[in-house]
Amino acid sequence: MIDSADIKERGTSLLGYAMHYGAFLGLFWMFKYLFKIGAGFSDHVFIYVFYLLNVGTFLLIYIFTFKYKESEPDKPKGLWSCVFFVLLICFFASFFEAAIMYAHYTFVNPGAFVKMSAPFIEMVNKMPNLQAGQKEIFLYIVTGKPLYIISAFIGNMVLGVVLGFLMSFLVNSTNNRSTGGLDR
């Protein structure tokens, strides 16, 4: 029989670690997003730095997953535990990124969102055989800041699942190599 206290303890430790590391990743994503904001006002150098910092996301998630796996050596963590952990890290970090995105498109530079959505508005206006109600719905979808932020949030969740599987295999292979494969 499975001890429910053990499941509750594992779940709270997983959630605690994910919230802790998710806050660090979220702060990193906020820092990274500042370069995207800077790219809207200045040179293209900022956007290159923004994209270059995506490597930092991979490295941070690797470090956090490794620390999580090593946090309780007597309780091994499997594939699904790692995937769920990375998914939760990305979930909590997405709140930080959503906050800075909202601030960017609402307060800092509202014209940036209009400029970004202009090609989509033009595409909707060129669609043939659209009734007035349908056109309004399409325009609401392509110009809606909340929908854009939610789509970025969902994109981060997909990133979390993909990186979760990748990190699970990387961290497990690192553990097997460091112990000589004797922990089987």
Protein backbone atom coordinates (compact mmCIF):
# COMPACT_ATOMS: atom_id res chain seq x y z
CA MET A 1 0.00 0.00 0.00
CA ILE A 2 1.21 3.52 -0.75
CA ASP A 3 1.71 5.79 2.24
CA SER A 4 -0.27 8.99 1.61
CA ALA A 5 1.98 10.99 3.97
CA ASP A 6 4.95 10.17 1.76
CA ILE A 7 3.08 11.37 -1.33
CA LYS A 8 2.09 14.60 0.40
CA GLU A 9 5.67 15.17 1.56
CA ARG A 10 7.07 14.59 -1.92
CA GLY A 11 4.48 16.87 -3.48
CA THR A 12 5.14 19.73 -1.09
CA SER A 13 8.89 19.45 -1.49
CA LEU A 14 8.53 19.37 -5.27
CA LEU A 15 6.23 22.39 -5.18
CA GLY A 16 8.48 24.23 -2.76
CA TYR A 17 11.57 23.68 -4.87
CA ALA A 18 9.69 24.59 -8.05
CA MET A 19 8.38 27.83 -6.57
CA HIS A 20 11.81 28.74 -5.24
CA TYR A 21 13.67 28.05 -8.48
CA GLY A 22 10.78 29.36 -10.57
CA ALA A 23 11.16 32.73 -8.87
CA PHE A 24 14.84 32.83 -9.78
CA LEU A 25 14.10 31.84 -13.36
CA GLY A 26 11.30 34.41 -13.51
CA LEU A 27 13.64 37.15 -12.36
CA PHE A 28 16.11 36.05 -15.02
CA TRP A 29 13.34 36.17 -17.64
CA MET A 30 12.44 39.67 -16.48
CA PHE A 31 16.07 40.72 -16.83
CA LYS A 32 16.21 39.12 -20.27
CA TYR A 33 12.99 40.87 -21.31
CA LEU A 34 14.51 44.24 -20.46
CA PHE A 35 16.76 43.76 -23.49
CA LYS A 36 13.68 43.22 -25.65
CA ILE A 37 12.24 46.47 -24.33
CA GLY A 38 15.56 48.18 -25.04
CA ALA A 39 15.52 46.85 -28.60
CA GLY A 40 12.30 48.75 -29.21
CA PHE A 41 13.94 52.05 -28.37
CA SER A 42 17.46 51.60 -29.67
CA ASP A 43 19.87 49.50 -31.67
CA HIS A 44 19.38 45.93 -32.69
CA VAL A 45 22.21 44.94 -30.37
CA PHE A 46 19.70 44.57 -27.54
CA ILE A 47 17.62 42.03 -29.44
CA TYR A 48 20.74 39.94 -30.11
CA VAL A 49 21.55 39.97 -26.40
CA PHE A 50 17.91 39.02 -25.68
CA TYR A 51 18.17 35.96 -27.92
CA LEU A 52 21.63 35.11 -26.62
CA LEU A 53 20.29 35.04 -23.07
CA ASN A 54 17.96 32.17 -24.06
CA VAL A 55 20.98 29.94 -23.49
CA GLY A 56 20.85 31.11 -19.87
CA THR A 57 17.37 29.64 -19.54
CA PHE A 58 18.66 26.23 -20.57
CA LEU A 59 21.63 26.45 -18.20
CA LEU A 60 19.55 27.65 -15.25
CA ILE A 61 16.98 24.90 -15.71
CA TYR A 62 19.79 22.34 -15.92
CA ILE A 63 21.34 23.63 -12.68
CA PHE A 64 17.96 23.77 -10.91
CA THR A 65 17.01 20.26 -12.03
CA PHE A 66 20.38 18.91 -10.94
CA LYS A 67 20.02 20.58 -7.52
CA TYR A 68 16.49 19.21 -7.17
CA LYS A 69 17.62 15.69 -8.03
CA GLU A 70 20.47 15.93 -5.51
CA SER A 71 18.36 17.60 -2.79
CA GLU A 72 17.24 14.31 -1.26
CA PRO A 73 19.68 11.58 -2.32
CA ASP A 74 17.84 8.92 -0.34
CA LYS A 75 14.66 9.55 -2.37
CA PRO A 76 15.41 9.03 -6.07
CA LYS A 77 13.43 11.11 -8.52
CA GLY A 78 12.32 9.60 -11.78
CA LEU A 79 11.55 10.87 -15.24
CA TRP A 80 8.06 12.18 -14.54
CA SER A 81 9.16 13.91 -11.37
CA CYS A 82 11.79 15.85 -13.33
CA VAL A 83 9.39 16.69 -16.14
CA PHE A 84 6.78 17.93 -13.69
CA PHE A 85 9.42 19.88 -11.76
CA VAL A 86 10.66 21.73 -14.86
CA LEU A 87 7.08 22.34 -15.98
CA LEU A 88 6.31 23.91 -12.60
CA ILE A 89 9.48 26.02 -12.73
CA CYS A 90 8.39 27.41 -16.10
CA PHE A 91 4.84 27.89 -14.78
CA PHE A 92 5.96 30.02 -11.84
CA ALA A 93 8.56 31.90 -13.89
CA SER A 94 5.87 32.76 -16.44
CA PHE A 95 4.10 34.95 -13.90
CA PHE A 96 7.16 37.18 -13.69
CA GLU A 97 7.49 37.34 -17.46
CA ALA A 98 3.77 38.06 -17.86
CA ALA A 99 4.05 40.96 -15.42
CA ILE A 100 6.89 42.62 -17.32
CA MET A 101 5.19 41.97 -20.68
CA TYR A 102 2.02 43.61 -19.44
CA ALA A 103 3.98 46.58 -18.09
CA HIS A 104 5.86 46.88 -21.37
CA TYR A 105 2.79 46.87 -23.60
CA THR A 106 0.63 48.96 -21.27
CA PHE A 107 2.90 51.53 -19.65
CA VAL A 108 6.43 51.57 -21.07
CA ASN A 109 5.81 51.43 -24.82
CA PRO A 110 2.18 50.86 -25.87
CA GLY A 111 3.09 51.63 -29.47
CA ALA A 112 5.33 48.55 -29.62
CA PHE A 113 2.35 46.22 -29.42
CA VAL A 114 0.48 48.19 -32.08
CA LYS A 115 3.56 48.02 -34.33
CA MET A 116 3.94 44.30 -33.67
CA SER A 117 0.27 43.51 -34.42
CA ALA A 118 0.02 45.76 -37.53
CA PRO A 119 0.80 42.94 -40.03
CA PHE A 120 -1.89 40.76 -38.44
CA ILE A 121 -4.42 43.59 -38.60
CA GLU A 122 -3.59 44.07 -42.28
CA MET A 123 -3.99 40.33 -42.87
CA VAL A 124 -7.43 40.35 -41.22
CA ASN A 125 -8.49 43.38 -43.25
CA LYS A 126 -7.51 41.59 -46.48
CA MET A 127 -9.50 38.44 -45.68
CA PRO A 128 -12.31 38.02 -48.19
CA ASN A 129 -15.92 37.29 -47.29
CA LEU A 130 -15.72 38.31 -43.62
CA GLN A 131 -18.82 39.63 -41.98
CA ALA A 132 -18.56 42.58 -39.61
CA GLY A 133 -18.89 40.42 -36.47
CA GLN A 134 -16.27 37.95 -37.63
CA LYS A 135 -13.87 40.73 -38.50
CA GLU A 136 -14.26 42.25 -35.01
CA ILE A 137 -13.55 38.87 -33.40
CA PHE A 138 -10.42 38.33 -35.49
CA LEU A 139 -9.22 41.86 -34.76
CA TYR A 140 -9.81 41.32 -31.04
CA ILE A 141 -7.77 38.12 -31.19
CA VAL A 142 -4.78 39.63 -33.00
CA THR A 143 -4.78 42.90 -31.03
CA GLY A 144 -5.57 41.52 -27.58
CA LYS A 145 -2.72 42.04 -25.14
CA PRO A 146 -4.09 39.54 -22.63
CA LEU A 147 -4.35 36.88 -25.31
CA TYR A 148 -0.78 37.59 -26.39
CA ILE A 149 0.45 37.25 -22.82
CA ILE A 150 -1.56 34.05 -22.30
CA SER A 151 -0.11 32.59 -25.50
CA ALA A 152 3.41 33.38 -24.22
CA PHE A 153 2.45 31.70 -20.93
CA ILE A 154 1.30 28.58 -22.80
CA GLY A 155 4.47 28.66 -24.90
CA ASN A 156 6.49 28.62 -21.68
CA MET A 157 4.55 25.56 -20.51
CA VAL A 158 5.37 23.74 -23.76
CA LEU A 159 9.00 24.77 -23.29
CA GLY A 160 8.82 23.36 -19.76
CA VAL A 161 7.60 19.96 -20.97
CA VAL A 162 10.24 19.72 -23.70
CA LEU A 163 13.05 20.87 -21.42
CA GLY A 164 11.71 18.63 -18.66
CA PHE A 165 12.21 15.52 -20.77
CA LEU A 166 15.59 16.74 -21.95
CA MET A 167 16.75 17.62 -18.44
CA SER A 168 15.51 14.34 -17.05
CA PHE A 169 17.70 12.43 -19.46
CA LEU A 170 20.67 14.78 -19.03
CA VAL A 171 20.57 14.74 -15.24
CA ASN A 172 20.06 10.99 -15.07
CA SER A 173 22.98 10.36 -17.44
CA THR A 174 25.14 12.78 -15.40
CA ASN A 175 24.26 10.92 -12.19
CA ASN A 176 25.06 7.53 -13.78
CA ARG A 177 28.39 8.81 -15.08
CA SER A 178 29.40 10.32 -11.74
CA THR A 179 28.56 7.15 -9.78
CA GLY A 180 29.95 4.84 -12.41
CA GLY A 181 26.52 3.43 -13.17
CA LEU A 182 26.46 1.48 -9.88
CA ASP A 183 23.15 2.88 -8.63
CA ARG A 184 20.97 0.64 -10.75
